[in-house]
Amino acid sequence: RLLLDDGKAGAEQVVSADWMRRMRTPCAIAPFYGYLVWLNHNRSIFPSISESSFFAIGAGSSFTWIEPENRMVVVVRWIDAAYADAFFKRVFAVLK
């Protein structure tokens, strides 16, 4: 939720707004990566969902999907990474 709310917990800025902006800025050598998060820049990682989405991806194919346009955070664990885009597409389709 902290990532969705640009570093704020309620009215308090816990993580600097500058850090949050940099987190979502593509790296020069890897445009799909920011500061510790994976970016869906040009829909390069998950083509079925919005370009503004970003992710924390961990061991065991766990995904924390932050979808700012729809104010949504989805946590998925132990999903086969080969099917992640199809799963995210289904979740995204429900929002439309």
Protein backbone atom coordinates (compact mmCIF):
# COMPACT_ATOMS: atom_id res chain seq x y z
CA ARG A 1 0.00 0.00 0.00
CA LEU A 2 2.94 2.29 0.72
CA LEU A 3 4.08 1.91 -2.90
CA LEU A 4 0.59 2.61 -4.21
CA ASP A 5 0.30 5.78 -2.13
CA ASP A 6 3.63 7.26 -3.27
CA GLY A 7 5.39 6.61 0.03
CA LYS A 8 2.66 7.92 2.31
CA ALA A 9 1.09 6.15 5.26
CA GLY A 10 -2.09 8.12 5.77
CA ALA A 11 -1.04 11.77 5.73
CA GLU A 12 2.58 11.06 6.71
CA GLN A 13 5.32 10.85 4.04
CA VAL A 14 7.29 7.76 5.18
CA VAL A 15 9.38 7.28 2.04
CA SER A 16 10.46 10.42 0.20
CA ALA A 17 8.50 11.39 -2.88
CA ASP A 18 11.81 11.73 -4.73
CA TRP A 19 12.72 8.10 -3.91
CA MET A 20 9.30 6.92 -5.06
CA ARG A 21 9.70 8.79 -8.36
CA ARG A 22 13.16 7.29 -8.88
CA MET A 23 11.83 3.83 -8.05
CA ARG A 24 9.56 4.05 -11.07
CA THR A 25 12.17 5.61 -13.38
CA PRO A 26 13.65 3.13 -15.86
CA CYS A 27 17.33 2.33 -15.42
CA ALA A 28 19.59 3.38 -18.33
CA ILE A 29 20.90 -0.15 -18.92
CA ALA A 30 17.66 -2.00 -18.12
CA PRO A 31 14.50 -0.02 -18.93
CA PHE A 32 12.37 -2.70 -17.28
CA TYR A 33 13.95 -2.04 -13.87
CA GLY A 34 13.86 0.89 -11.44
CA TYR A 35 15.02 1.07 -7.80
CA LEU A 36 14.25 -2.44 -6.54
CA VAL A 37 11.11 -2.85 -8.64
CA TRP A 38 10.37 -4.27 -12.06
CA LEU A 39 8.68 -1.86 -14.44
CA ASN A 40 6.26 -2.75 -17.18
CA HIS A 41 7.91 -0.13 -19.42
CA ASN A 42 6.49 -0.49 -22.94
CA ARG A 43 4.61 -3.50 -21.56
CA SER A 44 7.86 -5.44 -21.91
CA ILE A 45 7.35 -7.80 -18.97
CA PHE A 46 3.59 -8.30 -18.93
CA PRO A 47 2.06 -7.19 -22.24
CA SER A 48 -1.52 -7.75 -21.11
CA ILE A 49 -1.61 -5.07 -18.43
CA SER A 50 -0.95 -1.36 -18.14
CA GLU A 51 2.44 0.17 -18.72
CA SER A 52 2.17 2.03 -15.40
CA SER A 53 2.16 -1.24 -13.45
CA PHE A 54 5.23 -2.14 -11.45
CA PHE A 55 6.23 -5.17 -9.41
CA ALA A 56 8.21 -6.56 -6.57
CA ILE A 57 9.14 -10.07 -7.68
CA GLY A 58 10.51 -12.57 -5.21
CA ALA A 59 11.51 -16.17 -4.70
CA GLY A 60 8.98 -18.85 -5.44
CA SER A 61 7.41 -16.75 -8.17
CA SER A 62 5.80 -14.36 -5.75
CA PHE A 63 4.60 -11.12 -7.29
CA THR A 64 3.44 -7.91 -5.67
CA TRP A 65 1.70 -6.06 -8.49
CA ILE A 66 1.11 -2.34 -8.02
CA GLU A 67 -1.42 -0.98 -10.52
CA PRO A 68 -1.64 2.79 -9.94
CA GLU A 69 -4.27 3.58 -12.58
CA ASN A 70 -6.82 1.39 -10.81
CA ARG A 71 -5.48 1.96 -7.27
CA MET A 72 -4.83 -1.73 -6.83
CA VAL A 73 -2.24 -3.95 -5.17
CA VAL A 74 -2.34 -7.69 -5.89
CA VAL A 75 -0.10 -10.23 -4.17
CA VAL A 76 0.31 -13.62 -5.84
CA ARG A 77 2.48 -16.41 -4.51
CA TRP A 78 3.72 -19.66 -5.99
CA ILE A 79 2.37 -19.02 -9.46
CA ASP A 80 4.19 -20.53 -12.41
CA ALA A 81 5.90 -17.49 -13.94
CA ALA A 82 5.02 -18.75 -17.42
CA TYR A 83 1.33 -18.14 -16.60
CA ALA A 84 1.70 -14.85 -14.73
CA ASP A 85 0.79 -12.62 -17.67
CA ALA A 86 -2.37 -14.65 -18.37
CA PHE A 87 -3.36 -14.40 -14.71
CA PHE A 88 -2.74 -10.64 -14.58
CA LYS A 89 -4.70 -10.24 -17.83
CA ARG A 90 -7.72 -11.94 -16.23
CA VAL A 91 -7.53 -9.74 -13.15
CA PHE A 92 -7.12 -6.63 -15.30
CA ALA A 93 -10.10 -7.64 -17.49
CA VAL A 94 -12.40 -7.67 -14.46
CA LEU A 95 -11.62 -3.99 -13.90
CA LYS A 96 -12.76 -2.91 -17.35
